[in-house]
Amino acid sequence: MVKVTGVGFCCADVYEKLNKFYPTGNGVDWGVHLSRMGIPVSIVSVVGTDQYGTRMKEALQKEGIDVSHLRTEPGDTCKMMMELKNGTDRVHLQEIEGVMANYSLTDEEIEFIKGHDYMHTDLFGKILDHLPEFHQAGVKVVMDFSTFSADPEYRCEEIFPYVDYVFLSYEQDDAYIENWIRKIQSYGPEIVTATLGENGSISWDGKHLYRYGIVPAKVVNTVGAGDSYIAGYTYGIIYGWDIPECMKKGAEVSSKVVAQFEPY
């Protein structure tokens, strides 16, 4: 059975006024969706010794996720303090970085990750220096660049060669994004995909440009839409589907998320 792991950043989204919290982070959201679809998932990251660290582990275990390498360290779990305005608009009040501030992988965790078929990460998980090693070890790297793929601060052109499946976000379907995903793919990734909000998504594999629209839904929440799309797409990759089918699965999973309050 294929094994996948979400590596790097994780946090708790905390809505104090609603008395709600959700274990999250791009890789966590991605992992929860895949676990629900029957794929064995582990999370490699860190939480603190506060109540959120304990509750995050418990919640992820209930999802069937392996948390043996979700490390606990003294201090606060990374938290995003959230609030709702006008009933639906989500506002980030404050980030408490906590134990994520000094996070780095141990040698044992590196070897654990190498035992997986696929891994997911993003720009903020503090594991980017290890991507060449994971790539060389044969782990297929799925990476979410969000809206930062062309931001010079992140020097993404140095990262692209070590990523197999690049995902990024953009607002519209235009000549710029078409040319940009073609350029990214020329650095070495197998497939580069841009999610375009209500304009669907586009994928480039070096030979063909594919487009797929959205699955209509009543939008309640857009938080987690990108992570869920990537999870659905990854599910298709794991099972050897063609790109249009992967895009369709991504759109289907995403449509369910935007219609609910929860991120997964």
C-alpha atoms as a PDB file:
ATOM      1  CA  MET A   1       0.000   0.000   0.000  1.00  0.00           C
ATOM      2  CA  VAL A   2       1.247   3.474  -0.891  1.00  0.00           C
ATOM      3  CA  LYS A   3       2.370   5.677   2.041  1.00  0.00           C
ATOM      4  CA  VAL A   4       2.185   9.467   2.143  1.00  0.00           C
ATOM      5  CA  THR A   5       3.316  12.055   4.652  1.00  0.00           C
ATOM      6  CA  GLY A   6       2.641  15.723   5.310  1.00  0.00           C
ATOM      7  CA  VAL A   7       5.879  17.364   6.430  1.00  0.00           C
ATOM      8  CA  GLY A   8       6.628  20.737   7.990  1.00  0.00           C
ATOM      9  CA  PHE A   9       4.213  23.428   9.076  1.00  0.00           C
ATOM     10  CA  CYS A  10       1.206  22.711  11.247  1.00  0.00           C
ATOM     11  CA  CYS A  11      -0.863  24.848  13.587  1.00  0.00           C
ATOM     12  CA  ALA A  12      -4.198  25.177  15.349  1.00  0.00           C
ATOM     13  CA  ASP A  13      -6.789  27.563  13.932  1.00  0.00           C
ATOM     14  CA  VAL A  14      -8.425  28.905  17.085  1.00  0.00           C
ATOM     15  CA  TYR A  15     -11.813  30.655  17.169  1.00  0.00           C
ATOM     16  CA  GLU A  16     -11.997  31.650  20.822  1.00  0.00           C
ATOM     17  CA  LYS A  17     -15.415  33.332  20.596  1.00  0.00           C
ATOM     18  CA  LEU A  18     -16.894  30.219  18.987  1.00  0.00           C
ATOM     19  CA  ASN A  19     -15.036  27.830  21.295  1.00  0.00           C
ATOM     20  CA  LYS A  20     -13.747  25.979  18.218  1.00  0.00           C
ATOM     21  CA  PHE A  21     -10.345  24.928  16.973  1.00  0.00           C
ATOM     22  CA  TYR A  22      -9.064  22.880  14.046  1.00  0.00           C
ATOM     23  CA  PRO A  23      -5.730  21.113  13.530  1.00  0.00           C
ATOM     24  CA  THR A  24      -4.517  22.600  10.285  1.00  0.00           C
ATOM     25  CA  GLY A  25      -1.660  23.624   8.056  1.00  0.00           C
ATOM     26  CA  ASN A  26      -1.528  22.831   4.345  1.00  0.00           C
ATOM     27  CA  GLY A  27      -0.039  19.372   4.826  1.00  0.00           C
ATOM     28  CA  VAL A  28      -2.425  18.503   7.657  1.00  0.00           C
ATOM     29  CA  ASP A  29      -5.518  19.451   5.635  1.00  0.00           C
ATOM     30  CA  TRP A  30      -4.158  17.521   2.635  1.00  0.00           C
ATOM     31  CA  GLY A  31      -3.438  14.529   4.852  1.00  0.00           C
ATOM     32  CA  VAL A  32      -6.880  14.460   6.452  1.00  0.00           C
ATOM     33  CA  HIS A  33      -8.576  14.380   3.049  1.00  0.00           C
ATOM     34  CA  LEU A  34      -6.337  11.583   1.797  1.00  0.00           C
ATOM     35  CA  SER A  35      -6.810   9.591   4.991  1.00  0.00           C
ATOM     36  CA  ARG A  36     -10.575   9.861   4.571  1.00  0.00           C
ATOM     37  CA  MET A  37     -10.118   8.509   1.038  1.00  0.00           C
ATOM     38  CA  GLY A  38      -8.329   5.448   2.402  1.00  0.00           C
ATOM     39  CA  ILE A  39      -4.672   6.426   1.913  1.00  0.00           C
ATOM     40  CA  PRO A  40      -2.308   5.751   4.880  1.00  0.00           C
ATOM     41  CA  VAL A  41      -1.037   9.150   6.040  1.00  0.00           C
ATOM     42  CA  SER A  42       1.526  10.322   8.588  1.00  0.00           C
ATOM     43  CA  ILE A  43       2.301  13.841   9.779  1.00  0.00           C
ATOM     44  CA  VAL A  44       5.875  14.956  10.523  1.00  0.00           C
ATOM     45  CA  SER A  45       5.874  18.229  12.435  1.00  0.00           C
ATOM     46  CA  VAL A  46       5.808  19.618  15.977  1.00  0.00           C
ATOM     47  CA  VAL A  47       3.252  20.672  18.574  1.00  0.00           C
ATOM     48  CA  GLY A  48       3.650  22.119  22.050  1.00  0.00           C
ATOM     49  CA  THR A  49       2.892  20.878  25.538  1.00  0.00           C
ATOM     50  CA  ASP A  50      -0.231  23.046  25.817  1.00  0.00           C
ATOM     51  CA  GLN A  51      -3.809  21.772  25.458  1.00  0.00           C
ATOM     52  CA  TYR A  52      -3.789  22.413  21.701  1.00  0.00           C
ATOM     53  CA  GLY A  53      -0.876  20.076  21.142  1.00  0.00           C
ATOM     54  CA  THR A  54      -2.654  17.267  22.956  1.00  0.00           C
ATOM     55  CA  ARG A  55      -5.971  17.941  21.259  1.00  0.00           C
ATOM     56  CA  MET A  56      -4.397  18.175  17.804  1.00  0.00           C
ATOM     57  CA  LYS A  57      -2.821  14.760  18.200  1.00  0.00           C
ATOM     58  CA  GLU A  58      -6.072  13.273  19.449  1.00  0.00           C
ATOM     59  CA  ALA A  59      -8.057  14.782  16.577  1.00  0.00           C
ATOM     60  CA  LEU A  60      -5.617  13.543  13.932  1.00  0.00           C
ATOM     61  CA  GLN A  61      -5.510  10.066  15.463  1.00  0.00           C
ATOM     62  CA  LYS A  62      -9.306   9.941  15.172  1.00  0.00           C
ATOM     63  CA  GLU A  63      -8.825  10.615  11.455  1.00  0.00           C
ATOM     64  CA  GLY A  64      -6.644   7.510  11.255  1.00  0.00           C
ATOM     65  CA  ILE A  65      -3.431   9.508  10.810  1.00  0.00           C
ATOM     66  CA  ASP A  66      -0.079   8.299  12.136  1.00  0.00           C
ATOM     67  CA  VAL A  67       1.150  10.938  14.595  1.00  0.00           C
ATOM     68  CA  SER A  68       4.197   8.986  15.806  1.00  0.00           C
ATOM     69  CA  HIS A  69       6.395  11.694  14.257  1.00  0.00           C
ATOM     70  CA  LEU A  70       4.277  14.664  15.261  1.00  0.00           C
ATOM     71  CA  ARG A  71       6.819  15.672  17.865  1.00  0.00           C
ATOM     72  CA  THR A  72       5.894  17.320  21.184  1.00  0.00           C
ATOM     73  CA  GLU A  73       8.252  19.980  22.533  1.00  0.00           C
ATOM     74  CA  PRO A  74       8.008  22.279  25.571  1.00  0.00           C
ATOM     75  CA  GLY A  75       6.109  25.450  24.763  1.00  0.00           C
ATOM     76  CA  ASP A  76       3.056  26.633  22.883  1.00  0.00           C
ATOM     77  CA  THR A  77       1.642  24.929  19.829  1.00  0.00           C
ATOM     78  CA  CYS A  78       1.703  27.193  16.785  1.00  0.00           C
ATOM     79  CA  LYS A  79      -1.675  28.929  16.642  1.00  0.00           C
ATOM     80  CA  MET A  80      -3.582  31.155  14.270  1.00  0.00           C
ATOM     81  CA  MET A  81      -6.038  33.196  16.300  1.00  0.00           C
ATOM     82  CA  MET A  82      -9.136  33.601  14.141  1.00  0.00           C
ATOM     83  CA  GLU A  83     -12.382  35.546  14.204  1.00  0.00           C
ATOM     84  CA  LEU A  84     -15.526  35.693  12.112  1.00  0.00           C
ATOM     85  CA  LYS A  85     -16.814  39.025  10.879  1.00  0.00           C
ATOM     86  CA  ASN A  86     -20.238  39.454   9.317  1.00  0.00           C
ATOM     87  CA  GLY A  87     -20.907  35.821  10.116  1.00  0.00           C
ATOM     88  CA  THR A  88     -18.744  34.383   7.330  1.00  0.00           C
ATOM     89  CA  ASP A  89     -15.591  36.446   6.775  1.00  0.00           C
ATOM     90  CA  ARG A  90     -12.581  34.854   8.449  1.00  0.00           C
ATOM     91  CA  VAL A  91     -10.013  37.238   9.885  1.00  0.00           C
ATOM     92  CA  HIS A  92      -6.518  36.294  11.089  1.00  0.00           C
ATOM     93  CA  LEU A  93      -5.998  38.196  14.331  1.00  0.00           C
ATOM     94  CA  GLN A  94      -2.572  36.936  15.369  1.00  0.00           C
ATOM     95  CA  GLU A  95      -0.061  34.193  14.689  1.00  0.00           C
ATOM     96  CA  ILE A  96       1.609  32.625  17.711  1.00  0.00           C
ATOM     97  CA  GLU A  97       4.545  30.733  16.213  1.00  0.00           C
ATOM     98  CA  GLY A  98       5.355  28.807  19.362  1.00  0.00           C
ATOM     99  CA  VAL A  99       7.405  25.645  18.892  1.00  0.00           C
ATOM    100  CA  MET A 100       7.364  26.018  15.085  1.00  0.00           C
ATOM    101  CA  ALA A 101       9.792  28.936  15.478  1.00  0.00           C
ATOM    102  CA  ASN A 102      12.840  26.721  15.899  1.00  0.00           C
ATOM    103  CA  TYR A 103      11.594  23.570  14.204  1.00  0.00           C
ATOM    104  CA  SER A 104      14.010  21.428  12.220  1.00  0.00           C
ATOM    105  CA  LEU A 105      14.004  17.789  11.195  1.00  0.00           C
ATOM    106  CA  THR A 106      15.989  15.213  13.153  1.00  0.00           C
ATOM    107  CA  ASP A 107      18.072  12.539  11.420  1.00  0.00           C
ATOM    108  CA  GLU A 108      15.529   9.915  12.456  1.00  0.00           C
ATOM    109  CA  GLU A 109      12.654  11.950  11.013  1.00  0.00           C
ATOM    110  CA  ILE A 110      14.540  12.373   7.736  1.00  0.00           C
ATOM    111  CA  GLU A 111      14.932   8.605   7.423  1.00  0.00           C
ATOM    112  CA  PHE A 112      11.250   8.127   8.330  1.00  0.00           C
ATOM    113  CA  ILE A 113      10.188  10.488   5.539  1.00  0.00           C
ATOM    114  CA  LYS A 114      12.362   8.583   3.049  1.00  0.00           C
ATOM    115  CA  GLY A 115      10.256   5.510   3.752  1.00  0.00           C
ATOM    116  CA  HIS A 116       7.226   7.134   2.086  1.00  0.00           C
ATOM    117  CA  ASP A 117       6.135   7.171  -1.527  1.00  0.00           C
ATOM    118  CA  TYR A 118       4.819  10.747  -1.503  1.00  0.00           C
ATOM    119  CA  MET A 119       5.349  13.758   0.726  1.00  0.00           C
ATOM    120  CA  HIS A 120       3.635  17.132   0.895  1.00  0.00           C
ATOM    121  CA  THR A 121       5.206  20.341   2.075  1.00  0.00           C
ATOM    122  CA  ASP A 122       5.043  24.112   1.561  1.00  0.00           C
ATOM    123  CA  LEU A 123       7.322  27.130   1.827  1.00  0.00           C
ATOM    124  CA  PHE A 124       6.846  27.544   5.574  1.00  0.00           C
ATOM    125  CA  GLY A 125       7.653  24.135   7.029  1.00  0.00           C
ATOM    126  CA  LYS A 126      11.397  24.816   7.484  1.00  0.00           C
ATOM    127  CA  ILE A 127      12.409  21.647   5.642  1.00  0.00           C
ATOM    128  CA  LEU A 128      13.311  23.081   2.214  1.00  0.00           C
ATOM    129  CA  ASP A 129      17.036  22.353   2.554  1.00  0.00           C
ATOM    130  CA  HIS A 130      16.187  18.643   2.658  1.00  0.00           C
ATOM    131  CA  LEU A 131      14.184  18.524  -0.582  1.00  0.00           C
ATOM    132  CA  PRO A 132      17.171  17.478  -2.745  1.00  0.00           C
ATOM    133  CA  GLU A 133      17.814  14.572  -0.368  1.00  0.00           C
ATOM    134  CA  PHE A 134      14.188  13.423  -0.396  1.00  0.00           C
ATOM    135  CA  HIS A 135      13.959  13.810  -4.152  1.00  0.00           C
ATOM    136  CA  GLN A 136      17.121  11.786  -4.658  1.00  0.00           C
ATOM    137  CA  ALA A 137      15.764   9.083  -2.337  1.00  0.00           C
ATOM    138  CA  GLY A 138      12.800   8.640  -4.677  1.00  0.00           C
ATOM    139  CA  VAL A 139      10.108  10.292  -2.564  1.00  0.00           C
ATOM    140  CA  LYS A 140       7.639  12.048  -4.863  1.00  0.00           C
ATOM    141  CA  VAL A 141       7.396  15.630  -3.624  1.00  0.00           C
ATOM    142  CA  VAL A 142       4.028  17.413  -3.751  1.00  0.00           C
ATOM    143  CA  MET A 143       4.458  21.085  -2.886  1.00  0.00           C
ATOM    144  CA  ASP A 144       2.051  23.959  -2.417  1.00  0.00           C
ATOM    145  CA  PHE A 145       3.588  27.313  -3.347  1.00  0.00           C
ATOM    146  CA  SER A 146       0.325  29.186  -2.714  1.00  0.00           C
ATOM    147  CA  THR A 147       0.572  32.720  -4.166  1.00  0.00           C
ATOM    148  CA  PHE A 148       4.343  32.958  -3.673  1.00  0.00           C
ATOM    149  CA  SER A 149       5.753  30.960  -6.599  1.00  0.00           C
ATOM    150  CA  ALA A 150       7.052  34.097  -8.356  1.00  0.00           C
ATOM    151  CA  ASP A 151       8.000  36.050  -5.221  1.00  0.00           C
ATOM    152  CA  PRO A 152      11.785  36.638  -5.296  1.00  0.00           C
ATOM    153  CA  GLU A 153      11.924  36.523  -1.489  1.00  0.00           C
ATOM    154  CA  TYR A 154      11.323  32.761  -1.575  1.00  0.00           C
ATOM    155  CA  ARG A 155      13.786  31.946  -4.383  1.00  0.00           C
ATOM    156  CA  CYS A 156      11.421  29.283  -5.689  1.00  0.00           C
ATOM    157  CA  GLU A 157      13.456  28.732  -8.862  1.00  0.00           C
ATOM    158  CA  GLU A 158      16.026  26.991  -6.645  1.00  0.00           C
ATOM    159  CA  ILE A 159      13.313  24.701  -5.249  1.00  0.00           C
ATOM    160  CA  PHE A 160      11.397  23.717  -8.380  1.00  0.00           C
ATOM    161  CA  PRO A 161      13.972  21.131  -9.597  1.00  0.00           C
ATOM    162  CA  TYR A 162      13.352  19.028  -6.473  1.00  0.00           C
ATOM    163  CA  VAL A 163       9.542  19.034  -6.658  1.00  0.00           C
ATOM    164  CA  ASP A 164       7.589  16.495  -8.709  1.00  0.00           C
ATOM    165  CA  TYR A 165       4.149  18.070  -8.501  1.00  0.00           C
ATOM    166  CA  VAL A 166       3.984  21.854  -8.153  1.00  0.00           C
ATOM    167  CA  PHE A 167       0.746  23.563  -7.109  1.00  0.00           C
ATOM    168  CA  LEU A 168       0.219  27.310  -6.946  1.00  0.00           C
ATOM    169  CA  SER A 169      -2.628  29.788  -6.694  1.00  0.00           C
ATOM    170  CA  TYR A 170      -3.522  32.617  -9.048  1.00  0.00           C
ATOM    171  CA  GLU A 171      -6.630  34.693  -9.654  1.00  0.00           C
ATOM    172  CA  GLN A 172      -7.397  34.297 -13.355  1.00  0.00           C
ATOM    173  CA  ASP A 173      -6.732  32.321 -16.501  1.00  0.00           C
ATOM    174  CA  ASP A 174      -4.486  34.504 -18.626  1.00  0.00           C
ATOM    175  CA  ALA A 175      -1.308  34.438 -20.721  1.00  0.00           C
ATOM    176  CA  TYR A 176       0.884  35.209 -17.719  1.00  0.00           C
ATOM    177  CA  ILE A 177      -0.095  32.144 -15.707  1.00  0.00           C
ATOM    178  CA  GLU A 178       0.060  29.909 -18.788  1.00  0.00           C
ATOM    179  CA  ASN A 179       3.617  31.003 -19.500  1.00  0.00           C
ATOM    180  CA  TRP A 180       4.605  30.819 -15.836  1.00  0.00           C
ATOM    181  CA  ILE A 181       3.534  27.218 -15.281  1.00  0.00           C
ATOM    182  CA  ARG A 182       5.329  26.245 -18.500  1.00  0.00           C
ATOM    183  CA  LYS A 183       8.490  27.895 -17.224  1.00  0.00           C
ATOM    184  CA  ILE A 184       8.230  26.217 -13.811  1.00  0.00           C
ATOM    185  CA  GLN A 185       7.842  22.806 -15.450  1.00  0.00           C
ATOM    186  CA  SER A 186      11.003  23.429 -17.478  1.00  0.00           C
ATOM    187  CA  TYR A 187      12.969  23.328 -14.202  1.00  0.00           C
ATOM    188  CA  GLY A 188      12.101  19.657 -13.752  1.00  0.00           C
ATOM    189  CA  PRO A 189       8.680  19.024 -12.139  1.00  0.00           C
ATOM    190  CA  GLU A 190       6.494  16.380 -13.788  1.00  0.00           C
ATOM    191  CA  ILE A 191       3.324  18.475 -13.615  1.00  0.00           C
ATOM    192  CA  VAL A 192       2.626  22.087 -12.648  1.00  0.00           C
ATOM    193  CA  THR A 193      -0.917  23.056 -11.689  1.00  0.00           C
ATOM    194  CA  ALA A 194      -2.410  26.461 -10.947  1.00  0.00           C
ATOM    195  CA  THR A 195      -5.717  26.759  -9.120  1.00  0.00           C
ATOM    196  CA  LEU A 196      -7.650  29.805 -10.298  1.00  0.00           C
ATOM    197  CA  GLY A 197     -10.528  30.168  -7.843  1.00  0.00           C
ATOM    198  CA  GLU A 198     -13.857  30.373  -9.645  1.00  0.00           C
ATOM    199  CA  ASN A 199     -11.972  30.001 -12.949  1.00  0.00           C
ATOM    200  CA  GLY A 200     -11.059  26.394 -12.215  1.00  0.00           C
ATOM    201  CA  SER A 201      -7.521  25.131 -12.735  1.00  0.00           C
ATOM    202  CA  ILE A 202      -4.888  24.548 -15.401  1.00  0.00           C
ATOM    203  CA  SER A 203      -2.131  21.911 -15.577  1.00  0.00           C
ATOM    204  CA  TRP A 204       0.955  21.623 -17.789  1.00  0.00           C
ATOM    205  CA  ASP A 205       3.005  18.416 -18.134  1.00  0.00           C
ATOM    206  CA  GLY A 206       5.533  19.601 -20.714  1.00  0.00           C
ATOM    207  CA  LYS A 207       3.389  18.470 -23.647  1.00  0.00           C
ATOM    208  CA  HIS A 208      -0.220  19.468 -23.075  1.00  0.00           C
ATOM    209  CA  LEU A 209      -2.079  22.261 -21.321  1.00  0.00           C
ATOM    210  CA  TYR A 210      -5.185  21.026 -19.536  1.00  0.00           C
ATOM    211  CA  ARG A 211      -8.079  23.084 -18.212  1.00  0.00           C
ATOM    212  CA  TYR A 212     -10.825  22.095 -15.811  1.00  0.00           C
ATOM    213  CA  GLY A 213     -13.635  24.196 -14.360  1.00  0.00           C
ATOM    214  CA  ILE A 214     -15.235  24.032 -10.941  1.00  0.00           C
ATOM    215  CA  VAL A 215     -17.918  21.826  -9.442  1.00  0.00           C
ATOM    216  CA  PRO A 216     -20.642  24.329  -8.510  1.00  0.00           C
ATOM    217  CA  ALA A 217     -21.317  24.712  -4.796  1.00  0.00           C
ATOM    218  CA  LYS A 218     -22.827  27.229  -2.416  1.00  0.00           C
ATOM    219  CA  VAL A 219     -19.715  28.866  -1.012  1.00  0.00           C
ATOM    220  CA  VAL A 220     -19.650  29.117   2.772  1.00  0.00           C
ATOM    221  CA  ASN A 221     -15.886  29.139   3.270  1.00  0.00           C
ATOM    222  CA  THR A 222     -12.840  29.222   0.988  1.00  0.00           C
ATOM    223  CA  VAL A 223     -10.322  28.246   3.712  1.00  0.00           C
ATOM    224  CA  GLY A 224      -8.922  24.844   2.805  1.00  0.00           C
ATOM    225  CA  ALA A 225     -10.166  24.922  -0.797  1.00  0.00           C
ATOM    226  CA  GLY A 226      -6.665  24.722  -2.252  1.00  0.00           C
ATOM    227  CA  ASP A 227      -5.505  21.991   0.134  1.00  0.00           C
ATOM    228  CA  SER A 228      -8.549  19.867  -0.661  1.00  0.00           C
ATOM    229  CA  TYR A 229      -8.032  20.309  -4.408  1.00  0.00           C
ATOM    230  CA  ILE A 230      -4.410  19.189  -4.068  1.00  0.00           C
ATOM    231  CA  ALA A 231      -5.513  16.175  -2.012  1.00  0.00           C
ATOM    232  CA  GLY A 232      -8.000  15.088  -4.658  1.00  0.00           C
ATOM    233  CA  TYR A 233      -5.442  15.601  -7.412  1.00  0.00           C
ATOM    234  CA  THR A 234      -2.825  13.648  -5.451  1.00  0.00           C
ATOM    235  CA  TYR A 235      -5.291  10.798  -4.988  1.00  0.00           C
ATOM    236  CA  GLY A 236      -5.552  10.568  -8.763  1.00  0.00           C
ATOM    237  CA  ILE A 237      -1.772  10.651  -9.178  1.00  0.00           C
ATOM    238  CA  ILE A 238      -1.373   7.813  -6.671  1.00  0.00           C
ATOM    239  CA  TYR A 239      -3.736   5.636  -8.676  1.00  0.00           C
ATOM    240  CA  GLY A 240      -2.252   6.509 -12.054  1.00  0.00           C
ATOM    241  CA  TRP A 241      -5.169   8.538 -13.393  1.00  0.00           C
ATOM    242  CA  ASP A 242      -4.703  10.887 -16.338  1.00  0.00           C
ATOM    243  CA  ILE A 243      -4.420  14.605 -15.652  1.00  0.00           C
ATOM    244  CA  PRO A 244      -8.041  15.566 -16.507  1.00  0.00           C
ATOM    245  CA  GLU A 245      -9.293  12.920 -14.066  1.00  0.00           C
ATOM    246  CA  CYS A 246      -6.923  14.209 -11.372  1.00  0.00           C
ATOM    247  CA  MET A 247      -8.197  17.758 -11.940  1.00  0.00           C
ATOM    248  CA  LYS A 248     -11.789  16.553 -11.774  1.00  0.00           C
ATOM    249  CA  LYS A 249     -11.183  14.751  -8.469  1.00  0.00           C
ATOM    250  CA  GLY A 250      -9.512  17.860  -7.066  1.00  0.00           C
ATOM    251  CA  ALA A 251     -12.483  20.015  -8.058  1.00  0.00           C
ATOM    252  CA  GLU A 252     -14.945  17.536  -6.555  1.00  0.00           C
ATOM    253  CA  VAL A 253     -13.181  17.383  -3.184  1.00  0.00           C
ATOM    254  CA  SER A 254     -12.752  21.153  -3.109  1.00  0.00           C
ATOM    255  CA  SER A 255     -16.435  21.788  -3.847  1.00  0.00           C
ATOM    256  CA  LYS A 256     -17.414  19.892  -0.708  1.00  0.00           C
ATOM    257  CA  VAL A 257     -15.061  21.917   1.468  1.00  0.00           C
ATOM    258  CA  VAL A 258     -16.183  25.359   0.298  1.00  0.00           C
ATOM    259  CA  ALA A 259     -19.772  24.411   1.153  1.00  0.00           C
ATOM    260  CA  GLN A 260     -19.010  23.906   4.871  1.00  0.00           C
ATOM    261  CA  PHE A 261     -17.445  25.821   7.754  1.00  0.00           C
ATOM    262  CA  GLU A 262     -14.805  23.230   8.579  1.00  0.00           C
ATOM    263  CA  PRO A 263     -11.516  23.144   6.584  1.00  0.00           C
ATOM    264  CA  TYR A 264     -11.985  19.428   5.771  1.00  0.00           C
END
